[in-house]
C-alpha atoms as a PDB file:
ATOM      1  CA  MET A   1     -20.104  16.076 -46.866  1.00  0.00           C
ATOM      2  CA  SER A   2     -20.614  18.464 -43.979  1.00  0.00           C
ATOM      3  CA  VAL A   3     -21.620  15.507 -41.810  1.00  0.00           C
ATOM      4  CA  LEU A   4     -18.133  14.063 -42.222  1.00  0.00           C
ATOM      5  CA  ALA A   5     -16.699  17.244 -40.736  1.00  0.00           C
ATOM      6  CA  TRP A   6     -18.532  16.316 -37.524  1.00  0.00           C
ATOM      7  CA  LEU A   7     -18.231  12.538 -37.597  1.00  0.00           C
ATOM      8  CA  ILE A   8     -14.489  12.252 -38.188  1.00  0.00           C
ATOM      9  CA  PRO A   9     -13.418  14.397 -35.201  1.00  0.00           C
ATOM     10  CA  ILE A  10     -16.027  12.763 -32.959  1.00  0.00           C
ATOM     11  CA  SER A  11     -14.839   9.280 -33.909  1.00  0.00           C
ATOM     12  CA  LEU A  12     -11.205  10.274 -33.348  1.00  0.00           C
ATOM     13  CA  MET A  13     -12.055  11.672 -29.932  1.00  0.00           C
ATOM     14  CA  LEU A  14     -13.948   8.509 -28.966  1.00  0.00           C
ATOM     15  CA  GLY A  15     -10.994   6.416 -30.100  1.00  0.00           C
ATOM     16  CA  LEU A  16      -8.626   8.497 -27.988  1.00  0.00           C
ATOM     17  CA  VAL A  17     -10.941   8.177 -24.976  1.00  0.00           C
ATOM     18  CA  GLY A  18     -10.976   4.387 -25.410  1.00  0.00           C
ATOM     19  CA  LEU A  19      -7.204   4.286 -25.780  1.00  0.00           C
ATOM     20  CA  GLY A  20      -6.814   6.459 -22.704  1.00  0.00           C
ATOM     21  CA  ALA A  21      -9.092   4.163 -20.694  1.00  0.00           C
ATOM     22  CA  PHE A  22      -7.075   1.144 -21.815  1.00  0.00           C
ATOM     23  CA  VAL A  23      -3.767   2.768 -20.849  1.00  0.00           C
ATOM     24  CA  TRP A  24      -5.249   3.801 -17.491  1.00  0.00           C
ATOM     25  CA  ALA A  25      -6.343   0.207 -16.862  1.00  0.00           C
ATOM     26  CA  LEU A  26      -2.867  -1.072 -17.695  1.00  0.00           C
ATOM     27  CA  ARG A  27      -1.174   1.420 -15.383  1.00  0.00           C
ATOM     28  CA  ASN A  28      -3.523   0.599 -12.511  1.00  0.00           C
ATOM     29  CA  ARG A  29      -2.802  -3.124 -12.943  1.00  0.00           C
ATOM     30  CA  GLN A  30      -6.385  -4.042 -13.753  1.00  0.00           C
ATOM     31  CA  TYR A  31      -5.269  -6.986 -15.886  1.00  0.00           C
ATOM     32  CA  GLU A  32      -2.934  -8.632 -13.386  1.00  0.00           C
ATOM     33  CA  ASP A  33      -4.222 -11.710 -11.620  1.00  0.00           C
ATOM     34  CA  PRO A  34      -1.679 -13.221  -9.219  1.00  0.00           C
ATOM     35  CA  GLU A  35      -3.749 -16.315  -8.412  1.00  0.00           C
ATOM     36  CA  GLY A  36      -4.810 -17.027 -11.946  1.00  0.00           C
ATOM     37  CA  ASP A  37      -8.058 -18.406 -13.238  1.00  0.00           C
ATOM     38  CA  SER A  38      -6.420 -21.705 -14.153  1.00  0.00           C
ATOM     39  CA  ARG A  39      -5.587 -22.407 -10.510  1.00  0.00           C
ATOM     40  CA  ARG A  40      -8.870 -21.086  -9.185  1.00  0.00           C
ATOM     41  CA  ILE A  41     -10.991 -23.318 -11.410  1.00  0.00           C
ATOM     42  CA  LEU A  42      -9.183 -26.453 -10.168  1.00  0.00           C
ATOM     43  CA  SER A  43      -9.579 -25.527  -6.506  1.00  0.00           C
ATOM     44  CA  THR A  44     -11.992 -27.590  -4.425  1.00  0.00           C
ATOM     45  CA  ASP A  45     -12.694 -24.717  -2.028  1.00  0.00           C
ATOM     46  CA  TRP A  46     -15.624 -23.470  -4.098  1.00  0.00           C
ATOM     47  CA  ASP A  47     -17.477 -26.585  -5.147  1.00  0.00           C
ATOM     48  CA  ASP A  48     -21.004 -26.614  -6.573  1.00  0.00           C
ATOM     49  CA  ARG A  49     -22.144 -29.073  -3.951  1.00  0.00           C
ATOM     50  CA  PRO A  50     -22.095 -27.992  -0.301  1.00  0.00           C
ATOM     51  CA  LYS A  51     -20.094 -30.042   2.154  1.00  0.00           C
ATOM     52  CA  PRO A  52     -22.170 -32.397   4.359  1.00  0.00           C
END
């Protein structure tokens, strides 16, 4: 039972660190993509075959 006294606060702290990192990423606009992957994948600028 004494192990739980260590594990519960450590797990809560790790959860808060993860939540803080997620909020930081949202505030720094890490998830915004103005071009969009759907447009980028259809573009012919970056083809697998080089142009002759």
